[in-house]
N, C-alpha and C. Protein backbone atom coordinates (compact mmCIF):
# COMPACT_ATOMS: atom_id res chain seq x y z
N MET A 1 4.70 -45.45 9.40
CA MET A 1 3.54 -44.55 9.45
C MET A 1 3.81 -42.85 9.55
N ASN A 2 4.62 -42.68 10.62
CA ASN A 2 4.85 -41.31 11.01
C ASN A 2 5.82 -40.78 10.09
N ASP A 3 6.75 -41.69 9.58
CA ASP A 3 8.07 -41.15 8.73
C ASP A 3 6.83 -40.71 7.34
N THR A 4 6.06 -41.44 6.93
CA THR A 4 5.40 -41.08 5.77
C THR A 4 4.57 -39.69 5.91
N LYS A 5 3.86 -39.62 6.98
CA LYS A 5 3.06 -38.28 7.59
C LYS A 5 4.39 -37.18 7.39
N GLY A 6 5.36 -37.43 7.63
CA GLY A 6 6.42 -36.01 7.45
C GLY A 6 6.88 -35.89 6.63
N ILE A 7 6.84 -36.94 5.66
CA ILE A 7 7.51 -36.68 4.36
C ILE A 7 6.42 -35.73 3.59
N LEU A 8 5.16 -36.42 3.66
CA LEU A 8 3.84 -35.85 2.85
C LEU A 8 3.81 -34.12 3.49
N LEU A 9 4.07 -34.12 4.84
CA LEU A 9 3.76 -32.76 5.31
C LEU A 9 4.77 -31.77 4.58
N TRP A 10 5.93 -32.25 4.57
CA TRP A 10 7.04 -31.38 4.08
C TRP A 10 6.93 -31.18 2.63
N ALA A 11 6.49 -32.12 1.74
CA ALA A 11 6.11 -32.03 0.47
C ALA A 11 5.24 -31.27 0.33
N GLY A 12 4.30 -30.94 1.20
CA GLY A 12 2.88 -30.03 0.87
C GLY A 12 3.62 -28.80 1.02
N LEU A 13 4.40 -28.63 2.29
CA LEU A 13 4.82 -27.20 2.48
C LEU A 13 6.02 -26.73 1.32
N LEU A 14 6.56 -27.50 0.84
CA LEU A 14 7.71 -27.26 -0.37
C LEU A 14 6.61 -27.02 -1.61
N ILE A 15 5.51 -27.68 -1.55
CA ILE A 15 4.99 -27.14 -3.08
C ILE A 15 4.16 -25.68 -2.73
N ILE A 16 3.84 -25.76 -1.60
CA ILE A 16 2.68 -24.25 -1.03
C ILE A 16 3.97 -23.12 -1.37
N CYS A 17 5.22 -23.28 -0.74
CA CYS A 17 6.24 -22.31 -1.02
C CYS A 17 6.62 -21.94 -2.34
N GLY A 18 6.83 -23.22 -3.07
CA GLY A 18 6.93 -23.02 -4.82
C GLY A 18 5.66 -21.96 -5.41
N ILE A 19 4.36 -22.47 -4.73
CA ILE A 19 3.33 -21.49 -5.61
C ILE A 19 3.28 -20.34 -5.40
N ILE A 20 3.76 -19.88 -3.77
CA ILE A 20 3.82 -18.67 -3.56
C ILE A 20 5.14 -17.77 -4.30
N PHE A 21 6.29 -18.52 -4.26
CA PHE A 21 7.17 -18.08 -5.02
C PHE A 21 6.87 -17.63 -6.58
N PHE A 22 6.56 -18.58 -7.25
CA PHE A 22 5.89 -18.56 -8.64
C PHE A 22 5.00 -17.29 -8.70
N LEU A 23 3.75 -17.11 -7.87
CA LEU A 23 3.28 -16.14 -8.01
C LEU A 23 3.65 -14.73 -7.56
N SER A 24 4.66 -14.65 -7.07
CA SER A 24 5.23 -13.39 -6.52
C SER A 24 6.11 -12.63 -7.85
N ARG A 25 6.95 -14.05 -8.27
CA ARG A 25 7.56 -13.60 -9.39
C ARG A 25 6.74 -12.85 -10.98
N ARG A 26 5.53 -14.03 -10.77
CA ARG A 26 4.89 -13.57 -12.06
C ARG A 26 4.14 -11.94 -11.77
N MET A 27 3.95 -11.68 -10.55
CA MET A 27 3.52 -10.28 -10.12
C MET A 27 4.32 -9.37 -10.38
N LYS A 28 5.60 -9.37 -10.15
CA LYS A 28 6.60 -8.42 -10.55
C LYS A 28 6.74 -8.37 -11.79
N LYS A 29 6.73 -9.38 -12.75
CA LYS A 29 6.98 -9.36 -14.20
C LYS A 29 5.76 -8.50 -14.62
N GLN A 30 4.48 -8.97 -14.15
CA GLN A 30 3.29 -8.19 -14.70
C GLN A 30 3.45 -6.62 -14.24
N ILE A 31 3.87 -6.25 -13.36
CA ILE A 31 4.02 -5.05 -13.07
C ILE A 31 4.95 -4.32 -14.08
N GLU A 32 6.41 -4.92 -13.94
CA GLU A 32 7.27 -4.33 -14.95
C GLU A 32 6.91 -4.05 -16.00
N GLU A 33 6.27 -5.19 -17.13
CA GLU A 33 6.02 -4.80 -18.21
C GLU A 33 4.47 -4.23 -18.43
N ASN A 34 3.52 -4.32 -17.55
CA ASN A 34 2.41 -3.83 -17.75
C ASN A 34 1.95 -2.54 -16.73
N GLY A 35 2.84 -2.65 -15.69
CA GLY A 35 2.53 -1.48 -14.78
C GLY A 35 2.15 -0.22 -15.20
N ILE A 36 1.26 0.38 -14.54
CA ILE A 36 0.89 1.93 -14.81
C ILE A 36 2.02 2.86 -14.14
N GLU A 37 2.57 3.83 -14.72
CA GLU A 37 3.55 4.57 -13.79
C GLU A 37 2.90 6.01 -13.43
N THR A 38 3.48 6.40 -11.86
CA THR A 38 2.69 7.43 -11.64
C THR A 38 3.83 7.99 -10.50
N ASN A 39 3.27 9.17 -9.82
CA ASN A 39 4.14 9.41 -9.00
C ASN A 39 3.41 9.27 -7.47
N GLY A 40 4.23 8.94 -6.68
CA GLY A 40 3.48 8.77 -4.95
C GLY A 40 4.23 9.56 -4.01
N VAL A 41 4.10 9.17 -2.77
CA VAL A 41 4.68 9.55 -1.57
C VAL A 41 4.52 8.22 -0.78
N ILE A 42 5.85 8.06 -0.01
CA ILE A 42 5.99 7.13 1.03
C ILE A 42 4.70 7.54 2.37
N SER A 43 3.90 6.77 2.50
CA SER A 43 2.92 7.21 3.34
C SER A 43 3.11 6.66 4.89
N ARG A 44 3.90 5.76 4.69
CA ARG A 44 3.99 4.73 6.26
C ARG A 44 5.16 3.72 6.28
N ILE A 45 5.89 3.47 7.11
CA ILE A 45 6.86 2.54 7.18
C ILE A 45 6.50 1.62 8.41
N THR A 46 6.33 0.33 8.29
CA THR A 46 5.83 -1.09 9.64
C THR A 46 7.14 -1.56 9.57
N ASP A 47 6.99 -2.04 10.94
CA ASP A 47 7.89 -3.27 11.08
C ASP A 47 7.15 -4.36 11.50
N GLU A 48 6.91 -5.43 10.60
CA GLU A 48 6.44 -6.70 10.75
C GLU A 48 7.05 -7.79 11.18
N GLY A 49 8.45 -7.57 11.86
CA GLY A 49 9.24 -8.56 12.46
C GLY A 49 8.75 -8.45 13.71
N GLY A 50 9.40 -9.93 14.49
CA GLY A 50 9.15 -9.95 15.80
C GLY A 50 10.11 -9.24 16.64
N SER A 51 10.06 -9.61 17.92
CA SER A 51 10.75 -9.09 18.94
C SER A 51 12.54 -9.01 18.87
N ASP A 52 12.73 -10.15 18.14
CA ASP A 52 14.47 -10.10 17.71
C ASP A 52 14.89 -9.83 16.34
N GLU A 53 13.50 -9.09 15.63
CA GLU A 53 14.21 -9.23 14.09
C GLU A 53 13.42 -7.96 13.46
N ILE A 54 13.93 -7.39 12.42
CA ILE A 54 13.46 -6.16 11.49
C ILE A 54 12.80 -6.66 10.45
N ASN A 55 11.50 -6.13 10.30
CA ASN A 55 10.85 -6.59 8.64
C ASN A 55 10.14 -5.35 8.27
N LEU A 56 10.79 -4.39 7.89
CA LEU A 56 10.31 -3.48 7.58
C LEU A 56 9.32 -3.24 6.21
N GLN A 57 7.98 -2.92 6.14
CA GLN A 57 7.42 -2.74 4.80
C GLN A 57 6.97 -1.36 4.86
N TYR A 58 7.20 -1.09 3.25
CA TYR A 58 7.20 0.30 2.87
C TYR A 58 5.86 0.38 2.16
N TYR A 59 4.93 1.58 2.42
CA TYR A 59 3.70 2.15 1.83
C TYR A 59 3.93 3.19 0.88
N ALA A 60 3.23 3.22 -0.19
CA ALA A 60 3.17 4.50 -0.96
C ALA A 60 1.65 4.64 -1.07
N ARG A 61 1.16 6.15 -1.06
CA ARG A 61 -0.16 6.76 -0.99
C ARG A 61 0.16 7.20 -3.07
N TYR A 62 -1.09 7.07 -3.69
CA TYR A 62 -0.72 7.45 -5.15
C TYR A 62 -1.92 7.27 -5.68
N ARG A 63 -2.15 8.01 -6.79
CA ARG A 63 -3.44 8.10 -7.50
C ARG A 63 -3.37 7.27 -8.71
N THR A 64 -4.57 6.35 -9.36
CA THR A 64 -4.41 5.66 -9.91
C THR A 64 -4.92 6.35 -11.22
N GLU A 65 -4.93 5.70 -12.41
CA GLU A 65 -5.19 6.65 -13.90
C GLU A 65 -6.64 7.19 -13.93
N ASN A 66 -7.58 6.10 -12.91
CA ASN A 66 -8.90 6.91 -13.17
C ASN A 66 -9.07 7.70 -11.71
N GLY A 67 -7.95 8.23 -11.24
CA GLY A 67 -8.11 9.16 -10.18
C GLY A 67 -8.40 8.75 -8.69
N GLU A 68 -8.75 7.31 -8.45
CA GLU A 68 -8.79 6.66 -7.14
C GLU A 68 -7.26 6.80 -6.33
N GLU A 69 -7.31 7.29 -5.23
CA GLU A 69 -6.39 7.49 -4.39
C GLU A 69 -6.38 6.01 -3.65
N VAL A 70 -5.07 5.28 -3.58
CA VAL A 70 -4.77 4.44 -2.89
C VAL A 70 -3.48 4.09 -2.22
N GLU A 71 -3.46 3.40 -1.27
CA GLU A 71 -2.24 3.06 -0.45
C GLU A 71 -1.40 1.48 -1.14
N GLY A 72 -0.39 1.30 -1.44
CA GLY A 72 -0.03 -0.04 -2.20
C GLY A 72 1.26 -0.22 -1.19
N LEU A 73 1.54 -1.18 -1.25
CA LEU A 73 2.76 -1.93 -0.47
C LEU A 73 3.96 -1.90 -1.78
N LEU A 74 4.89 -1.43 -1.37
CA LEU A 74 6.31 -1.64 -2.36
C LEU A 74 6.83 -2.87 -2.10
N SER A 75 7.12 -3.62 -3.32
CA SER A 75 7.78 -4.82 -3.19
C SER A 75 9.22 -4.63 -3.43
N ASN A 76 9.44 -3.60 -3.64
CA ASN A 76 11.16 -3.13 -4.03
C ASN A 76 11.66 -1.96 -3.25
N PRO A 77 11.54 -1.80 -2.19
CA PRO A 77 11.90 -0.81 -1.46
C PRO A 77 13.22 -0.46 -1.51
N ARG A 78 13.95 0.62 -1.27
CA ARG A 78 15.20 1.04 -0.76
C ARG A 78 15.09 1.43 0.77
N SER A 79 16.36 1.26 1.52
CA SER A 79 16.36 1.29 2.70
C SER A 79 16.33 2.81 3.36
N ASN A 80 16.77 3.68 2.30
CA ASN A 80 17.03 5.23 2.54
C ASN A 80 15.60 5.72 2.22
N LEU A 81 14.50 5.28 2.25
CA LEU A 81 13.21 5.90 2.00
C LEU A 81 12.53 6.48 3.48
N GLU A 82 11.88 7.67 3.39
CA GLU A 82 11.39 8.06 4.58
C GLU A 82 9.96 8.68 4.38
N VAL A 83 9.00 8.57 5.48
CA VAL A 83 7.87 8.93 5.47
C VAL A 83 7.85 10.33 4.75
N GLY A 84 6.76 10.83 3.55
CA GLY A 84 6.61 11.82 3.19
C GLY A 84 7.59 12.06 1.77
N GLN A 85 8.27 10.97 1.57
CA GLN A 85 9.45 11.09 0.40
C GLN A 85 8.43 10.94 -0.80
N GLN A 86 8.79 11.70 -1.94
CA GLN A 86 7.93 11.43 -3.15
C GLN A 86 8.87 10.34 -3.96
N VAL A 87 8.08 9.48 -4.60
CA VAL A 87 8.66 8.61 -5.41
C VAL A 87 8.21 8.49 -6.74
N ARG A 88 8.64 7.76 -7.86
CA ARG A 88 8.02 7.19 -8.96
C ARG A 88 8.02 5.97 -8.77
N LEU A 89 6.89 5.28 -9.28
CA LEU A 89 6.37 3.92 -8.96
C LEU A 89 5.46 3.54 -10.50
N LYS A 90 5.56 2.23 -10.34
CA LYS A 90 4.56 1.25 -11.11
C LYS A 90 3.56 0.62 -10.17
N TYR A 91 2.20 0.56 -10.57
CA TYR A 91 1.35 -0.18 -10.01
C TYR A 91 0.49 -0.99 -10.97
N HIS A 92 -0.04 -2.41 -10.41
CA HIS A 92 -0.25 -3.36 -11.45
C HIS A 92 -1.86 -3.01 -11.70
N PRO A 93 -1.93 -2.94 -12.68
CA PRO A 93 -3.17 -2.28 -13.27
C PRO A 93 -4.26 -3.03 -12.88
N LYS A 94 -4.41 -4.55 -12.40
CA LYS A 94 -5.51 -4.88 -11.76
C LYS A 94 -5.51 -5.20 -10.19
N HIS A 95 -4.35 -5.22 -9.67
CA HIS A 95 -4.03 -5.25 -8.14
C HIS A 95 -3.36 -4.03 -7.89
N LYS A 96 -4.29 -2.66 -7.64
CA LYS A 96 -3.77 -1.55 -8.01
C LYS A 96 -3.14 -1.44 -6.44
N THR A 97 -2.90 -2.12 -5.42
CA THR A 97 -2.08 -1.87 -4.23
C THR A 97 -0.81 -2.78 -4.48
N ASN A 98 -0.51 -3.07 -5.26
CA ASN A 98 0.63 -3.96 -5.51
C ASN A 98 1.65 -3.11 -6.46
N ALA A 99 2.65 -2.39 -5.75
CA ALA A 99 3.42 -1.34 -6.63
C ALA A 99 4.98 -1.74 -6.35
N ARG A 100 5.57 -1.09 -7.13
CA ARG A 100 7.09 -0.94 -7.49
C ARG A 100 7.49 0.10 -7.67
N LEU A 101 8.75 0.28 -7.14
CA LEU A 101 9.73 1.49 -7.44
C LEU A 101 10.38 1.54 -8.98
N VAL A 102 10.29 2.72 -9.69
CA VAL A 102 10.90 2.54 -11.06
C VAL A 102 12.10 3.04 -10.77
N LYS A 103 12.96 2.08 -11.13
CA LYS A 103 14.29 2.66 -11.00
C LYS A 103 15.00 3.47 -12.20
């Protein structure tokens, strides 16, 4: 009985990971194909890692096409970015805080 619960738990976890991966890839593709290009500035860099790991998150502040100023998380940052640095990016038309650097 415990083996069955364990297998079902792992199967459920695998399905959830697959869904997250699929949605992430879909968002990336939508930004690349339909994203709105604009200028922004790196507004902050945070470390979301624990005490024994580094997981840097890069945020940029930019204006949307309707003039709204937003801060979005960059999904493809480069390691040489610094706060205050100007960047060219694309953001998702519906989910404006999801952005990618233009290469």
